[in-house]
Amino acid sequence: MNDEHHSLRTVMVLYTPGRTSGYPEEPVESGIRLHFLGGGDEVGNVGCLLEDRTGTRVLIDYGLAPTRPPRYPKECPPIEHTIITHSHIDHIGMAPWLVGQYGAALHGTTLTAAVSEIMWRDTYKVSSIEGYPLPWDKRDLDAALNAWQTHDVGEWFEIGEWKCRFHRAGHIPGAIMIEIETPELRLLWSGDIDIRDGPNVRGAEPINCDILCLEATYGGREHPVRATEEARFVSRVKEVVSRGGVVLVPAFASGRCQDVLRILHRAAPHLNVHFDGMGTRLTRHWLSHPEHTDEPEHLKQVWNWARIVSSKSDRKKALDADVIVTTSGMLDGGPAIWYLNRLRHDSANAILLTGYQAEGSGGHRLLEKGSLRIFGNETAIDLEVTQFQLSNHAGHSDLVSFVRACEPRHVVLFHGDDDARSAIAAEFTESPAPSLPLNGETLNLS
């Protein structure tokens, strides 16, 4: 075990809950206090405490960064209410710990609550396989499933002295922004957002506020025009299929798999497309909560059109498909590795990556070195590999436009590296006043 892993295990197993967060003990005098436990100067791993002079305190998100080993946010002090923006593990992964330690209520949409069990059980399973420490157990997971308080988009609800309301975030179905009205000010927390309409959900719309807390993942970077990139993807698929090859599309289970299927169904419904992995289970929940997806009837058609893989024999049949859409999106495991191990021997086949490939991931290694680890062995992959930008985060120009449309006095830039946040901050030298918080740092804004 390396030193980093050993240190992480010691910290996460032996800490005293709530004692090492660094959260200030003194009361808030005015305005609102923000304290980032994680996700301040990093992508993902999000957790931020908000508190005002009334003593109302809310945690927004509590995730983990699924690196190897994972990174965790700082320990949260006692908390009664947590708002979960969406179901990606870097925002929801540590929520069971909150419920197990403090009996915290989890506020979210019906779809986020519905898919949380799949996300948490997968995290628990991966932690067992990989041997990394996880601060919560199955009892905490079961408690968390009973801790949900769900709210409709647009519905006002109260937490302490605050009024709160969810707005569509455009990132994935069920993802929300949070508008918070305190006795002194109005705050909008973006969560992960996309301003553009995507294949499965319409984009986020600006809300007038005093303080805007904005994710900055793609600060300083622009996306290609979505329609152009989707057309490039479809063209590549058709080209591979026309030469007799099979297209393997590793895609994220929650959002990207379903986007790829919609794109293919609209542009090339004649193709024989098979759908495998955790995304199939998540899609069933999407179908059960149609209020969160755009054109839910079309999603039903896509579901009935794709060939769902649900057995070993189905998986073998999928090897003769035109396209296989499956997890994991970064080639770190899942059915994608099983398929890749069998498809790699025919050079007519191809791999189409549809999103970001984190450093250290299988997909990143494949792009950089032309090989990756398959069942423990470093294996050369002599197939064409093409990467596409089908991101569900807003790009730089859209983020800047969103800030201006919200007309805040302050903009707090989180969920981004230093370069990304600085690029957005450079657009607003006077008003709104930009803040670039660090993890463990406290901001007081009014």
Protein backbone atom coordinates (compact mmCIF):
# COMPACT_ATOMS: atom_id res chain seq x y z
CA MET A 1 0.00 0.00 0.00
CA ASN A 2 1.44 3.40 -0.93
CA ASP A 3 1.84 6.20 1.62
CA GLU A 4 -1.01 8.28 0.18
CA HIS A 5 -3.43 5.38 0.44
CA HIS A 6 -2.27 4.52 3.95
CA SER A 7 -2.66 8.13 5.10
CA LEU A 8 -6.15 8.34 3.61
CA ARG A 9 -7.21 5.15 5.36
CA THR A 10 -5.98 6.45 8.72
CA VAL A 11 -7.69 9.82 8.40
CA MET A 12 -11.02 8.53 7.18
CA VAL A 13 -11.40 5.65 9.63
CA LEU A 14 -10.07 7.14 12.87
CA TYR A 15 -11.32 10.75 12.83
CA THR A 16 -13.84 12.06 15.33
CA PRO A 17 -16.97 13.16 13.40
CA GLY A 18 -17.42 16.91 13.21
CA ARG A 19 -14.25 17.76 15.15
CA THR A 20 -11.83 18.35 12.28
CA SER A 21 -13.90 20.37 9.78
CA GLY A 22 -12.31 23.72 10.64
CA TYR A 23 -15.77 25.29 10.58
CA PRO A 24 -15.90 28.53 12.63
CA GLU A 25 -17.62 28.32 16.02
CA GLU A 26 -18.57 32.01 16.29
CA PRO A 27 -22.07 33.03 15.09
CA VAL A 28 -22.62 34.91 11.85
CA GLU A 29 -23.17 38.64 12.39
CA SER A 30 -24.66 39.57 9.02
CA GLY A 31 -25.06 38.38 5.44
CA ILE A 32 -24.21 34.73 4.82
CA ARG A 33 -21.21 32.56 5.61
CA LEU A 34 -19.95 30.01 3.09
CA HIS A 35 -17.45 27.35 4.10
CA PHE A 36 -16.23 24.86 1.50
CA LEU A 37 -15.49 21.39 2.85
CA GLY A 38 -14.61 20.34 -0.70
CA GLY A 39 -15.17 21.38 -4.30
CA GLY A 40 -13.91 24.94 -3.76
CA ASP A 41 -10.67 24.93 -5.73
CA GLU A 42 -11.18 21.51 -7.34
CA VAL A 43 -13.61 19.81 -9.69
CA GLY A 44 -16.04 17.55 -7.84
CA ASN A 45 -15.74 16.38 -4.23
CA VAL A 46 -18.31 19.06 -3.40
CA GLY A 47 -19.57 20.09 0.04
CA CYS A 48 -20.35 23.65 1.19
CA LEU A 49 -21.92 24.91 4.42
CA LEU A 50 -24.14 28.00 4.34
CA GLU A 51 -25.21 29.82 7.52
CA ASP A 52 -26.63 33.24 8.47
CA ARG A 53 -27.32 35.23 11.65
CA THR A 54 -30.57 33.33 12.29
CA GLY A 55 -28.53 30.20 12.95
CA THR A 56 -30.07 28.47 9.90
CA ARG A 57 -27.39 26.15 8.54
CA VAL A 58 -27.54 24.07 5.35
CA LEU A 59 -25.00 21.82 3.64
CA ILE A 60 -25.13 21.72 -0.13
CA ASP A 61 -23.92 18.40 -1.57
CA TYR A 62 -21.46 16.01 0.05
CA GLY A 63 -19.56 13.98 -2.52
CA LEU A 64 -16.28 12.26 -3.11
CA ALA A 65 -13.83 12.40 -5.98
CA PRO A 66 -13.69 8.90 -7.52
CA THR A 67 -9.93 8.98 -8.04
CA ARG A 68 -7.67 6.07 -7.04
CA PRO A 69 -7.72 6.27 -4.05
CA PRO A 70 -10.72 8.61 -3.71
CA ARG A 71 -10.52 12.12 -2.28
CA TYR A 72 -13.01 13.06 0.38
CA PRO A 73 -14.23 16.47 1.57
CA LYS A 74 -13.38 17.63 5.07
CA GLU A 75 -15.62 16.26 7.81
CA CYS A 76 -18.88 18.12 8.19
CA PRO A 77 -19.89 19.49 11.61
CA PRO A 78 -23.37 18.58 12.95
CA ILE A 79 -26.00 19.32 10.32
CA GLU A 80 -29.77 18.78 10.11
CA HIS A 81 -30.43 19.62 6.46
CA THR A 82 -28.52 18.83 3.28
CA ILE A 83 -29.57 19.82 -0.24
CA ILE A 84 -28.34 17.45 -2.96
CA THR A 85 -28.11 19.07 -6.40
CA HIS A 86 -27.91 15.84 -8.41
CA SER A 87 -26.96 12.18 -8.31
CA HIS A 88 -23.38 12.16 -9.61
CA ILE A 89 -21.07 10.59 -7.06
CA ASP A 90 -18.87 13.68 -6.68
CA HIS A 91 -21.95 15.42 -5.23
CA ILE A 92 -23.78 12.61 -3.42
CA GLY A 93 -21.13 10.04 -2.50
CA MET A 94 -20.70 10.96 1.18
CA ALA A 95 -24.36 11.67 2.00
CA PRO A 96 -24.85 8.31 3.79
CA TRP A 97 -22.18 9.36 6.30
CA LEU A 98 -24.18 12.51 7.12
CA VAL A 99 -27.30 10.51 7.79
CA GLY A 100 -25.47 7.86 9.81
CA GLN A 101 -23.68 10.43 11.99
CA TYR A 102 -26.25 13.18 12.37
CA GLY A 103 -29.59 11.90 11.09
CA ALA A 104 -29.52 14.66 8.48
CA ALA A 105 -32.44 15.12 6.10
CA LEU A 106 -31.59 14.95 2.39
CA HIS A 107 -33.47 17.38 0.14
CA GLY A 108 -33.58 16.71 -3.60
CA THR A 109 -35.78 15.92 -6.58
CA THR A 110 -37.74 12.70 -6.87
CA LEU A 111 -35.40 11.44 -9.60
CA THR A 112 -32.23 12.17 -7.60
CA ALA A 113 -33.70 10.30 -4.64
CA ALA A 114 -34.78 7.39 -6.84
CA VAL A 115 -31.34 6.79 -8.39
CA SER A 116 -29.36 7.40 -5.19
CA GLU A 117 -29.52 3.75 -4.14
CA ILE A 118 -27.90 2.59 -7.39
CA MET A 119 -25.14 5.19 -7.05
CA TRP A 120 -24.40 4.42 -3.40
CA ARG A 121 -24.46 0.64 -3.81
CA ASP A 122 -22.09 0.90 -6.77
CA THR A 123 -19.75 3.09 -4.71
CA TYR A 124 -19.83 0.57 -1.87
CA LYS A 125 -19.12 -2.31 -4.26
CA VAL A 126 -16.21 -0.50 -5.94
CA SER A 127 -14.69 0.41 -2.57
CA SER A 128 -14.76 -3.26 -1.59
CA ILE A 129 -13.18 -4.37 -4.86
CA GLU A 130 -10.53 -1.65 -4.90
CA GLY A 131 -9.83 -1.94 -1.16
CA TYR A 132 -10.08 1.77 -0.43
CA PRO A 133 -11.61 3.14 2.79
CA LEU A 134 -15.23 4.23 2.81
CA PRO A 135 -16.39 6.11 5.93
CA TRP A 136 -19.96 4.78 5.75
CA ASP A 137 -21.41 1.27 5.70
CA LYS A 138 -24.59 -0.48 4.54
CA ARG A 139 -26.50 0.59 7.65
CA ASP A 140 -25.76 4.23 6.80
CA LEU A 141 -26.83 3.59 3.20
CA ASP A 142 -30.17 2.15 4.30
CA ALA A 143 -30.72 5.08 6.66
CA ALA A 144 -29.92 7.54 3.86
CA LEU A 145 -32.55 5.98 1.60
CA ASN A 146 -35.15 6.85 4.26
CA ALA A 147 -33.80 10.38 4.80
CA TRP A 148 -35.02 11.88 1.51
CA GLN A 149 -37.43 14.82 1.49
CA THR A 150 -38.28 15.44 -2.15
CA HIS A 151 -39.47 18.71 -3.70
CA ASP A 152 -40.80 19.63 -7.11
CA VAL A 153 -38.95 22.11 -9.31
CA GLY A 154 -40.45 25.54 -8.64
CA GLU A 155 -41.92 24.56 -5.25
CA TRP A 156 -41.00 26.77 -2.27
CA PHE A 157 -40.06 24.96 0.95
CA GLU A 158 -38.63 26.17 4.24
CA ILE A 159 -35.48 25.24 6.11
CA GLY A 160 -35.20 27.17 9.37
CA GLU A 161 -35.64 30.86 8.54
CA TRP A 162 -34.92 30.36 4.85
CA LYS A 163 -37.19 29.83 1.87
CA CYS A 164 -35.74 27.51 -0.79
CA ARG A 165 -36.74 26.64 -4.33
CA PHE A 166 -35.33 24.31 -6.98
CA HIS A 167 -34.74 25.31 -10.60
CA ARG A 168 -33.75 23.11 -13.55
CA ALA A 169 -29.95 22.96 -13.92
CA GLY A 170 -29.75 21.41 -17.41
CA HIS A 171 -26.87 19.10 -16.43
CA ILE A 172 -28.78 15.82 -16.26
CA PRO A 173 -32.46 15.07 -15.62
CA GLY A 174 -33.29 15.71 -11.98
CA ALA A 175 -30.34 18.09 -11.48
CA ILE A 176 -31.23 21.39 -9.86
CA MET A 177 -30.02 24.86 -8.98
CA ILE A 178 -31.08 26.14 -5.54
CA GLU A 179 -32.53 29.57 -4.91
CA ILE A 180 -32.32 30.53 -1.22
CA GLU A 181 -34.10 33.54 0.23
CA THR A 182 -32.73 34.54 3.65
CA PRO A 183 -34.04 37.49 5.72
CA GLU A 184 -31.19 39.58 4.23
CA LEU A 185 -30.45 38.36 0.70
CA ARG A 186 -31.13 36.01 -2.19
CA LEU A 187 -28.53 33.37 -3.14
CA LEU A 188 -28.48 31.11 -6.18
CA TRP A 189 -26.37 27.95 -6.08
CA SER A 190 -25.85 26.65 -9.62
CA GLY A 191 -24.84 23.06 -8.94
CA ASP A 192 -23.48 21.60 -12.19
CA ILE A 193 -25.22 23.45 -15.01
CA ASP A 194 -25.55 23.56 -18.75
CA ILE A 195 -27.19 26.54 -20.41
CA ARG A 196 -27.67 24.67 -23.70
CA ASP A 197 -30.56 22.35 -24.38
CA GLY A 198 -29.26 18.77 -24.40
CA PRO A 199 -30.68 15.54 -25.80
CA ASN A 200 -32.49 14.74 -22.54
CA VAL A 201 -33.02 17.99 -20.66
CA ARG A 202 -33.45 21.67 -21.43
CA GLY A 203 -30.84 24.18 -20.28
CA ALA A 204 -30.72 26.25 -17.08
CA GLU A 205 -32.24 29.72 -17.03
CA PRO A 206 -30.80 32.66 -15.05
CA ILE A 207 -32.34 33.82 -11.77
CA ASN A 208 -31.86 37.31 -10.37
CA CYS A 209 -29.90 37.13 -7.11
CA ASP A 210 -27.55 38.95 -4.74
CA ILE A 211 -25.00 36.13 -4.53
CA LEU A 212 -24.37 33.62 -7.33
CA CYS A 213 -22.37 30.49 -6.49
CA LEU A 214 -21.32 29.22 -9.91
CA GLU A 215 -19.56 26.05 -10.99
CA ALA A 216 -16.49 26.87 -13.09
CA THR A 217 -15.52 23.50 -14.58
CA TYR A 218 -15.04 24.81 -18.11
CA GLY A 219 -13.92 28.33 -17.32
CA GLY A 220 -11.54 29.51 -20.05
CA ARG A 221 -12.62 26.74 -22.42
CA GLU A 222 -15.32 26.67 -25.06
CA HIS A 223 -17.30 23.70 -26.30
CA PRO A 224 -17.75 23.03 -30.01
CA VAL A 225 -21.25 23.77 -31.30
CA ARG A 226 -23.32 20.93 -29.89
CA ALA A 227 -25.16 20.08 -33.12
CA THR A 228 -21.87 20.03 -35.04
CA GLU A 229 -20.19 17.72 -32.54
CA GLU A 230 -23.18 15.37 -32.48
CA ALA A 231 -23.12 15.22 -36.30
CA ARG A 232 -19.38 14.45 -36.22
CA PHE A 233 -20.05 11.63 -33.75
CA VAL A 234 -22.84 10.11 -35.88
CA SER A 235 -20.73 10.38 -39.03
CA ARG A 236 -17.90 8.51 -37.36
CA VAL A 237 -20.26 5.78 -36.17
CA LYS A 238 -21.65 5.30 -39.69
CA GLU A 239 -18.15 5.19 -41.15
CA VAL A 240 -17.04 2.38 -38.79
CA VAL A 241 -20.23 0.38 -39.29
CA SER A 242 -19.99 0.71 -43.09
CA ARG A 243 -16.60 -1.03 -43.06
CA GLY A 244 -17.97 -3.90 -41.00
CA GLY A 245 -16.74 -2.73 -37.62
CA VAL A 246 -18.38 -2.55 -34.21
CA VAL A 247 -18.41 0.80 -32.40
CA LEU A 248 -17.79 0.66 -28.66
CA VAL A 249 -19.03 3.79 -26.89
CA PRO A 250 -17.92 3.89 -23.22
CA ALA A 251 -20.22 6.43 -21.57
CA PHE A 252 -21.13 7.68 -18.10
CA ALA A 253 -24.11 5.83 -16.67
CA SER A 254 -26.11 8.87 -15.59
CA GLY A 255 -26.60 11.25 -18.47
CA ARG A 256 -24.10 10.41 -21.20
CA CYS A 257 -25.37 6.91 -22.06
CA GLN A 258 -28.89 8.25 -22.49
CA ASP A 259 -27.67 11.24 -24.51
CA VAL A 260 -25.77 8.97 -26.91
CA LEU A 261 -28.80 6.74 -27.39
CA ARG A 262 -31.06 9.71 -28.16
CA ILE A 263 -28.53 11.12 -30.64
CA LEU A 264 -28.21 7.79 -32.46
CA HIS A 265 -31.95 7.13 -32.51
CA ARG A 266 -32.68 10.53 -34.07
CA ALA A 267 -29.88 10.44 -36.63
CA ALA A 268 -29.45 6.73 -37.45
CA PRO A 269 -32.45 4.66 -36.31
CA HIS A 270 -31.49 1.87 -38.72
CA LEU A 271 -28.47 0.94 -36.59
CA ASN A 272 -28.42 -2.12 -34.35
CA VAL A 273 -27.57 -0.56 -30.96
CA HIS A 274 -27.09 -2.51 -27.73
CA PHE A 275 -27.17 -0.88 -24.28
CA ASP A 276 -25.37 -2.45 -21.30
CA GLY A 277 -24.21 -1.53 -17.81
CA MET A 278 -25.45 0.49 -14.87
CA GLY A 279 -27.01 3.05 -17.20
CA THR A 280 -29.79 0.60 -18.03
CA ARG A 281 -30.95 0.55 -14.40
CA LEU A 282 -30.74 4.33 -14.13
CA THR A 283 -32.76 4.78 -17.33
CA ARG A 284 -35.62 2.76 -15.84
CA HIS A 285 -35.85 5.40 -13.10
CA TRP A 286 -35.79 8.17 -15.70
CA LEU A 287 -38.76 6.52 -17.40
CA SER A 288 -40.59 6.37 -14.06
CA HIS A 289 -40.07 10.11 -13.48
CA PRO A 290 -40.92 11.63 -16.88
CA GLU A 291 -41.36 15.14 -15.44
CA HIS A 292 -37.56 15.51 -15.30
CA THR A 293 -36.75 14.66 -18.94
CA ASP A 294 -37.40 16.56 -22.13
CA GLU A 295 -39.75 14.74 -24.52
CA PRO A 296 -40.23 11.72 -22.23
CA GLU A 297 -42.26 9.90 -24.88
CA HIS A 298 -39.24 9.95 -27.17
CA LEU A 299 -37.12 8.48 -24.37
CA LYS A 300 -39.60 5.58 -24.19
CA GLN A 301 -39.18 5.04 -27.93
CA VAL A 302 -35.39 5.04 -27.54
CA TRP A 303 -35.63 2.51 -24.70
CA ASN A 304 -37.78 0.18 -26.79
CA TRP A 305 -35.49 0.63 -29.82
CA ALA A 306 -32.18 -0.15 -28.10
CA ARG A 307 -31.42 -3.78 -27.29
CA ILE A 308 -31.02 -3.94 -23.52
CA VAL A 309 -28.32 -6.33 -22.33
CA SER A 310 -29.51 -8.20 -19.25
CA SER A 311 -27.66 -11.54 -19.34
CA LYS A 312 -24.38 -13.20 -20.34
CA SER A 313 -25.94 -14.49 -23.53
CA ASP A 314 -27.18 -10.96 -24.37
CA ARG A 315 -23.63 -9.73 -23.92
CA LYS A 316 -22.26 -12.28 -26.37
CA LYS A 317 -24.93 -11.33 -28.91
CA ALA A 318 -23.95 -7.67 -28.52
CA LEU A 319 -20.54 -8.46 -30.02
CA ASP A 320 -22.33 -8.64 -33.39
CA ALA A 321 -24.04 -5.24 -32.93
CA ASP A 322 -23.33 -2.06 -34.88
CA VAL A 323 -22.91 -0.02 -31.69
CA ILE A 324 -22.46 -0.96 -28.03
CA VAL A 325 -23.16 1.80 -25.49
CA THR A 326 -21.97 0.86 -22.02
CA THR A 327 -20.16 1.86 -18.84
CA SER A 328 -17.66 2.86 -17.62
CA GLY A 329 -17.22 6.19 -19.37
CA MET A 330 -13.50 6.39 -18.52
CA LEU A 331 -12.74 2.70 -19.17
CA ASP A 332 -12.01 2.04 -15.50
CA GLY A 333 -14.09 -1.12 -15.34
CA GLY A 334 -17.62 -2.28 -16.07
CA PRO A 335 -18.81 -4.10 -19.19
CA ALA A 336 -16.75 -1.76 -21.42
CA ILE A 337 -13.58 -3.62 -20.47
CA TRP A 338 -15.18 -7.00 -21.19
CA TYR A 339 -16.25 -5.81 -24.66
CA LEU A 340 -12.93 -4.12 -25.38
CA ASN A 341 -11.02 -7.30 -24.58
CA ARG A 342 -12.99 -9.12 -27.27
CA LEU A 343 -13.24 -6.38 -29.86
CA ARG A 344 -9.55 -5.39 -29.80
CA HIS A 345 -8.52 -8.20 -32.18
CA ASP A 346 -10.39 -6.76 -35.22
CA SER A 347 -8.98 -3.48 -36.54
CA ALA A 348 -12.28 -2.65 -38.23
CA ASN A 349 -13.72 -1.94 -34.77
CA ALA A 350 -13.37 1.46 -33.08
CA ILE A 351 -13.70 3.15 -29.69
CA LEU A 352 -15.52 6.47 -29.46
CA LEU A 353 -14.96 8.32 -26.19
CA THR A 354 -17.70 10.82 -25.47
CA GLY A 355 -16.37 12.84 -22.55
CA TYR A 356 -13.59 13.94 -20.26
CA GLN A 357 -10.96 11.33 -19.44
CA ALA A 358 -9.41 12.10 -16.05
CA GLU A 359 -5.69 11.70 -15.57
CA GLY A 360 -4.99 8.18 -14.35
CA SER A 361 -8.16 6.77 -15.91
CA GLY A 362 -8.17 3.92 -18.42
CA GLY A 363 -9.46 6.23 -21.14
CA HIS A 364 -6.69 8.76 -20.52
CA ARG A 365 -4.09 6.00 -20.64
CA LEU A 366 -5.56 4.69 -23.88
CA LEU A 367 -5.36 8.14 -25.50
CA GLU A 368 -1.82 8.78 -24.25
CA LYS A 369 -0.19 5.36 -24.62
CA GLY A 370 -2.48 3.23 -26.77
CA SER A 371 -2.86 0.67 -24.01
CA LEU A 372 -4.71 0.08 -20.75
CA ARG A 373 -5.00 -2.51 -18.03
CA ILE A 374 -7.41 -5.36 -18.79
CA PHE A 375 -7.98 -7.74 -15.88
CA GLY A 376 -4.65 -6.74 -14.37
CA ASN A 377 -2.54 -6.94 -17.53
CA GLU A 378 -1.26 -3.95 -19.50
CA THR A 379 -2.73 -4.57 -22.95
CA ALA A 380 -2.02 -2.80 -26.24
CA ILE A 381 -5.19 -1.68 -28.05
CA ASP A 382 -4.65 -1.47 -31.79
CA LEU A 383 -7.98 0.15 -32.59
CA GLU A 384 -8.92 3.62 -33.77
CA VAL A 385 -9.82 5.81 -30.80
CA THR A 386 -11.66 9.10 -31.28
CA GLN A 387 -12.72 11.54 -28.57
CA PHE A 388 -15.82 13.75 -28.75
CA GLN A 389 -16.92 16.64 -26.56
CA LEU A 390 -20.49 15.89 -25.54
CA SER A 391 -20.15 17.59 -22.16
CA ASN A 392 -23.17 18.52 -20.05
CA HIS A 393 -21.38 21.46 -18.40
CA ALA A 394 -21.65 25.03 -19.65
CA GLY A 395 -18.61 26.41 -21.49
CA HIS A 396 -16.84 29.68 -20.72
CA SER A 397 -18.98 32.08 -22.77
CA ASP A 398 -22.22 30.55 -21.47
CA LEU A 399 -21.01 30.81 -17.87
CA VAL A 400 -20.09 34.46 -18.33
CA SER A 401 -23.46 35.21 -19.97
CA PHE A 402 -25.24 33.43 -17.13
CA VAL A 403 -23.49 35.58 -14.52
CA ARG A 404 -24.48 38.79 -16.32
CA ALA A 405 -28.09 37.66 -16.69
CA CYS A 406 -28.38 36.87 -12.96
CA GLU A 407 -27.09 40.37 -12.05
CA PRO A 408 -25.55 39.38 -8.69
CA ARG A 409 -23.45 41.63 -6.42
CA HIS A 410 -21.09 38.73 -5.73
CA VAL A 411 -20.13 35.67 -7.77
CA VAL A 412 -18.48 32.76 -5.96
CA LEU A 413 -16.60 30.49 -8.37
CA PHE A 414 -16.24 26.87 -7.24
CA HIS A 415 -15.94 23.39 -8.80
CA GLY A 416 -12.98 24.41 -10.97
CA ASP A 417 -9.20 24.56 -10.99
CA ASP A 418 -7.31 27.83 -10.57
CA ASP A 419 -7.02 28.53 -14.30
CA ALA A 420 -10.72 27.93 -14.94
CA ARG A 421 -11.89 30.10 -12.07
CA SER A 422 -9.40 32.87 -12.83
CA ALA A 423 -10.56 32.98 -16.46
CA ILE A 424 -14.14 33.69 -15.39
CA ALA A 425 -13.10 36.08 -12.62
CA ALA A 426 -11.10 38.10 -15.17
CA GLU A 427 -14.38 38.93 -16.93
CA PHE A 428 -15.69 40.65 -13.77
CA THR A 429 -13.04 42.94 -12.30
CA GLU A 430 -15.51 45.29 -10.57
CA SER A 431 -19.09 44.06 -10.55
CA PRO A 432 -20.05 41.47 -9.59
CA ALA A 433 -17.19 41.02 -7.14
CA PRO A 434 -15.64 37.58 -7.80
CA SER A 435 -14.59 35.23 -4.97
CA LEU A 436 -12.36 32.17 -5.53
CA PRO A 437 -12.68 30.16 -2.29
CA LEU A 438 -10.24 27.49 -1.18
CA ASN A 439 -11.27 24.31 0.56
CA GLY A 440 -11.43 24.98 4.29
CA GLU A 441 -11.75 28.73 3.74
CA THR A 442 -14.65 30.82 5.06
CA LEU A 443 -16.35 33.59 3.06
CA ASN A 444 -18.68 36.14 4.60
CA LEU A 445 -20.78 37.95 2.00
CA SER A 446 -23.60 40.46 2.29
